[in-house]
């Protein structure tokens, strides 16, 4: 009888663990994100594209005078367990999050607004 209570407790624990609802899914980061810091000469846009379960982030800088666009090599990024988009910059990990109040992408000391 003692063993029956033990196994019943384990079964209940396993059932509750299996029924545990996952946390809120991570936001969809893909799209074009324009840096909100206005520069009279340059326009900075992050292009975030889906790559399976992960993302690629391409930093594009456009010269407003000439119209020339310089695209940096895409960098792989992934969504961490906490829902933040992470990119390994070589000197450390940079995290991005979407501000729930504004819808802006925040990270690396900058704020980006979704481009239309």
Protein backbone atom coordinates (compact mmCIF):
# COMPACT_ATOMS: atom_id res chain seq x y z
CA UNK A 1 0.00 0.00 0.00
CA UNK A 2 2.90 2.30 0.80
CA UNK A 3 4.32 1.74 -2.70
CA UNK A 4 0.93 2.41 -4.30
CA UNK A 5 0.82 5.91 -2.74
CA UNK A 6 4.39 6.52 -3.91
CA UNK A 7 3.65 5.54 -7.52
CA UNK A 8 0.34 7.44 -7.50
CA UNK A 9 2.18 10.58 -6.41
CA UNK A 10 4.76 10.18 -9.17
CA UNK A 11 2.04 9.57 -11.76
CA UNK A 12 0.18 12.70 -10.66
CA UNK A 13 3.39 14.74 -10.81
CA UNK A 14 4.16 13.49 -14.33
CA UNK A 15 0.62 14.28 -15.45
CA UNK A 16 0.80 17.82 -14.09
CA UNK A 17 4.19 18.36 -15.71
CA UNK A 18 2.90 17.14 -19.07
CA UNK A 19 -0.13 19.43 -18.85
CA UNK A 20 1.95 22.47 -18.03
CA UNK A 21 1.19 25.12 -20.66
CA UNK A 22 4.22 26.59 -22.38
CA UNK A 23 5.14 30.21 -21.86
CA UNK A 24 3.92 32.85 -24.26
CA UNK A 25 5.48 32.24 -27.68
CA UNK A 26 8.23 34.59 -28.79
CA UNK A 27 7.18 37.45 -31.06
CA UNK A 28 7.82 37.26 -34.78
CA UNK A 29 10.88 39.44 -35.27
CA UNK A 30 11.02 39.31 -39.06
CA UNK A 31 10.68 42.47 -41.11
CA UNK A 32 12.47 45.71 -41.83
CA UNK A 33 13.27 47.78 -38.75
CA UNK A 34 14.32 51.43 -39.21
CA UNK A 35 16.56 53.04 -36.61
CA UNK A 36 14.63 55.84 -34.89
CA UNK A 37 17.78 57.92 -34.44
CA UNK A 38 17.50 60.42 -37.29
CA UNK A 39 20.67 60.99 -39.26
CA UNK A 40 20.50 63.63 -42.01
CA UNK A 41 22.92 61.69 -44.23
CA UNK A 42 22.29 58.01 -43.50
CA UNK A 43 19.33 55.70 -43.04
CA UNK A 44 19.93 52.56 -40.97
CA UNK A 45 17.60 49.56 -41.36
CA UNK A 46 17.88 46.10 -39.83
CA UNK A 47 16.46 43.43 -42.12
CA UNK A 48 15.41 40.41 -40.07
CA UNK A 49 14.44 37.35 -42.08
CA UNK A 50 13.28 33.93 -40.95
CA UNK A 51 15.63 30.98 -41.46
CA UNK A 52 13.83 27.86 -40.23
CA UNK A 53 13.47 28.21 -36.46
CA UNK A 54 16.11 30.96 -36.43
CA UNK A 55 16.69 34.32 -38.11
CA UNK A 56 19.24 36.22 -40.17
CA UNK A 57 19.90 39.88 -39.35
CA UNK A 58 21.33 42.09 -42.08
CA UNK A 59 22.33 45.65 -41.24
CA UNK A 60 21.74 48.00 -44.19
CA UNK A 61 22.96 51.56 -44.36
CA UNK A 62 21.64 53.83 -47.10
CA UNK A 63 23.31 57.08 -48.10
CA UNK A 64 20.39 59.50 -48.49
CA UNK A 65 22.31 61.74 -50.92
CA UNK A 66 23.53 59.13 -53.39
CA UNK A 67 20.87 56.47 -52.74
CA UNK A 68 23.63 53.85 -52.42
CA UNK A 69 22.85 51.05 -49.97
CA UNK A 70 25.56 49.13 -48.14
CA UNK A 71 24.45 45.73 -46.84
CA UNK A 72 26.54 43.99 -44.22
CA UNK A 73 26.83 40.20 -44.22
CA UNK A 74 23.83 38.53 -42.59
CA UNK A 75 24.41 37.33 -39.05
CA UNK A 76 22.55 34.32 -37.62
CA UNK A 77 20.30 34.96 -34.63
CA UNK A 78 18.10 32.77 -32.49
CA UNK A 79 15.30 33.18 -29.99
CA UNK A 80 16.38 32.34 -26.43
CA UNK A 81 14.22 30.56 -23.88
CA UNK A 82 13.22 33.96 -22.48
CA UNK A 83 11.83 35.05 -25.88
CA UNK A 84 14.58 37.55 -26.68
CA UNK A 85 16.27 37.53 -30.08
CA UNK A 86 19.99 36.91 -29.56
CA UNK A 87 22.90 37.48 -31.87
CA UNK A 88 26.52 36.66 -31.09
CA UNK A 89 28.43 39.75 -32.19
CA UNK A 90 31.85 38.21 -31.60
CA UNK A 91 32.46 40.39 -28.56
CA UNK A 92 29.39 39.18 -26.73
CA UNK A 93 25.71 38.45 -27.10
CA UNK A 94 23.37 41.26 -28.17
CA UNK A 95 19.71 40.83 -27.27
CA UNK A 96 16.68 42.37 -28.97
CA UNK A 97 13.11 42.57 -27.70
CA UNK A 98 9.89 44.04 -29.02
CA UNK A 99 8.47 46.65 -26.65
CA UNK A 100 4.88 45.60 -25.94
CA UNK A 101 3.71 49.22 -25.51
CA UNK A 102 5.23 50.75 -28.64
CA UNK A 103 5.85 47.76 -30.92
CA UNK A 104 9.42 48.98 -31.40
CA UNK A 105 12.43 46.69 -31.54
CA UNK A 106 14.88 47.56 -28.76
CA UNK A 107 18.47 46.36 -28.53
CA UNK A 108 22.15 47.20 -28.93
CA UNK A 109 21.50 50.64 -27.45
CA UNK A 110 19.12 51.56 -30.28
CA UNK A 111 15.39 51.65 -30.93
CA UNK A 112 13.99 50.48 -34.27
CA UNK A 113 10.51 51.09 -35.67
CA UNK A 114 8.91 48.61 -38.08
CA UNK A 115 9.28 50.02 -41.60
CA UNK A 116 6.23 50.04 -43.83
